[in-house]
Protein backbone atom coordinates (compact mmCIF):
# COMPACT_ATOMS: atom_id res chain seq x y z
CA MET A 1 -16.97 -65.74 -133.09
CA ALA A 2 -15.65 -66.96 -136.43
CA MET A 3 -15.67 -70.68 -137.11
CA PRO A 4 -12.43 -72.33 -138.15
CA ARG A 5 -12.29 -72.74 -141.91
CA PRO A 6 -12.04 -76.59 -141.92
CA PHE A 7 -15.38 -76.90 -140.03
CA VAL A 8 -17.19 -74.77 -142.61
CA ALA A 9 -15.72 -76.81 -145.46
CA THR A 10 -16.80 -80.04 -143.77
CA SER A 11 -20.37 -78.77 -143.35
CA VAL A 12 -20.58 -77.69 -146.98
CA ILE A 13 -19.19 -81.05 -148.07
CA SER A 14 -21.89 -82.74 -145.98
CA ALA A 15 -24.59 -80.74 -147.79
CA VAL A 16 -23.07 -81.69 -151.13
CA THR A 17 -22.95 -85.32 -150.01
CA PHE A 18 -26.68 -85.15 -149.31
CA SER A 19 -27.38 -83.85 -152.82
CA ILE A 20 -25.19 -86.45 -154.52
CA LEU A 21 -26.73 -89.36 -152.64
CA LEU A 22 -30.36 -88.29 -152.98
CA VAL A 23 -31.00 -88.52 -156.68
CA GLY A 24 -33.92 -90.84 -157.37
CA CYS A 25 -34.96 -91.65 -153.78
CA SER A 26 -38.52 -92.45 -152.79
CA ALA A 27 -40.72 -93.07 -149.78
CA SER A 28 -44.34 -93.71 -148.89
CA ILE A 29 -46.58 -92.96 -145.95
CA ASN A 30 -50.13 -93.86 -144.92
CA VAL A 31 -52.61 -91.12 -144.05
CA ASP A 32 -56.15 -91.39 -142.65
CA LYS A 33 -58.33 -89.14 -144.82
CA ALA A 34 -60.83 -89.51 -147.67
CA GLU A 35 -58.67 -87.17 -149.76
CA PRO A 36 -55.16 -88.04 -148.65
CA LYS A 37 -52.94 -85.18 -147.56
CA LEU A 38 -49.66 -85.31 -145.70
CA SER A 39 -49.11 -82.45 -143.23
CA ALA A 40 -46.02 -80.30 -143.72
CA ASP A 41 -44.67 -81.38 -140.30
CA LYS A 42 -45.17 -85.11 -141.00
CA LEU A 43 -43.61 -84.70 -144.46
CA ALA A 44 -40.56 -82.94 -142.96
CA THR A 45 -40.14 -85.63 -140.29
CA THR A 46 -40.53 -88.49 -142.79
CA LEU A 47 -38.18 -86.83 -145.27
CA ALA A 48 -35.52 -86.16 -142.60
CA LYS A 49 -35.59 -89.83 -141.50
CA LYS A 50 -35.39 -91.04 -145.10
CA LEU A 51 -32.50 -88.65 -145.86
CA ALA A 52 -30.59 -89.90 -142.81
CA ALA A 53 -31.17 -93.53 -143.77
CA THR A 54 -30.18 -92.91 -147.40
CA THR A 55 -26.99 -90.99 -146.64
CA GLY A 56 -25.87 -92.63 -143.40
CA GLN A 57 -25.66 -89.13 -141.87
CA PRO A 58 -27.42 -87.89 -138.70
CA THR A 59 -31.06 -86.86 -139.12
CA PRO A 60 -30.97 -83.37 -140.71
CA ASP A 61 -33.17 -80.37 -139.95
CA VAL A 62 -35.84 -80.35 -142.69
CA THR A 63 -38.73 -77.93 -143.07
CA CYS A 64 -41.57 -78.05 -145.56
CA PRO A 65 -43.74 -74.97 -146.17
CA GLU A 66 -47.00 -76.72 -147.04
CA ASP A 67 -48.99 -79.93 -146.81
CA LEU A 68 -48.49 -82.44 -149.61
CA ALA A 69 -51.72 -83.26 -151.46
CA GLY A 70 -52.14 -86.94 -152.27
CA LYS A 71 -52.44 -86.57 -156.03
CA ALA A 72 -49.91 -88.04 -158.47
CA GLY A 73 -47.67 -85.33 -159.90
CA THR A 74 -48.11 -82.90 -156.99
CA THR A 75 -44.82 -81.31 -155.91
CA THR A 76 -43.54 -79.23 -153.03
CA ARG A 77 -40.16 -77.86 -152.03
CA CYS A 78 -38.60 -78.55 -148.65
CA THR A 79 -35.39 -77.16 -147.18
CA LEU A 80 -32.59 -79.07 -145.47
CA THR A 81 -30.47 -76.92 -143.15
CA THR A 82 -26.97 -78.06 -142.19
CA GLY A 83 -25.16 -77.42 -138.92
CA ASP A 84 -23.36 -74.37 -140.33
CA GLY A 85 -26.61 -72.81 -141.56
CA SER A 86 -26.20 -73.56 -145.25
CA THR A 87 -29.33 -74.86 -146.97
CA LEU A 88 -30.17 -77.39 -149.61
CA GLY A 89 -33.49 -77.50 -151.45
CA VAL A 90 -35.30 -80.81 -151.81
CA THR A 91 -38.10 -81.33 -154.34
CA VAL A 92 -40.77 -83.83 -153.27
CA THR A 93 -43.08 -85.29 -155.95
CA VAL A 94 -46.06 -87.59 -155.39
CA SER A 95 -45.52 -90.62 -157.63
CA SER A 96 -48.77 -92.43 -156.82
CA VAL A 97 -51.56 -92.78 -154.28
CA ASP A 98 -52.98 -96.15 -153.26
CA GLY A 99 -55.96 -95.67 -150.96
CA ASN A 100 -54.54 -93.80 -147.99
CA GLN A 101 -50.89 -94.40 -148.91
CA ILE A 102 -49.02 -91.53 -150.56
CA ASN A 103 -45.91 -92.64 -152.44
CA PHE A 104 -43.40 -89.92 -153.21
CA GLY A 105 -39.92 -89.40 -154.56
CA PHE A 106 -37.48 -86.69 -153.60
CA GLU A 107 -34.40 -85.12 -155.14
CA ALA A 108 -31.97 -82.66 -153.61
CA ASP A 109 -30.60 -79.66 -155.47
CA ASP A 110 -27.10 -79.94 -156.94
CA LYS A 111 -25.66 -77.12 -154.83
CA ALA A 112 -26.12 -75.90 -151.27
CA SER A 113 -26.73 -72.23 -150.54
CA PRO A 114 -24.17 -70.85 -148.07
CA ALA A 115 -25.28 -69.59 -144.68
CA SER A 116 -26.37 -65.96 -144.60
């Protein structure tokens, strides 16, 4: 069943809104390990909550493919999926580590990829 055109446009606009509002955002999280590492699931959950708080939108579906090592400069790419299936890449970069606290920034891509 085809979706009405205005719904698709609204979903794409929402993805664009995420990318516009996410430039220069940051977060931090405490982990309990000698060599801090943030699991991919915990990173995705934390990132989704931070994205929702930053944009004022509902909590998005975010997936991250790998754990985030607690070392300044480490990066990973996560994916935000909108309700219509379009995706938006989000780059996560560790800015600093203080004991068991990993501080990271994140930035969304400029453009969303349309649903397949």
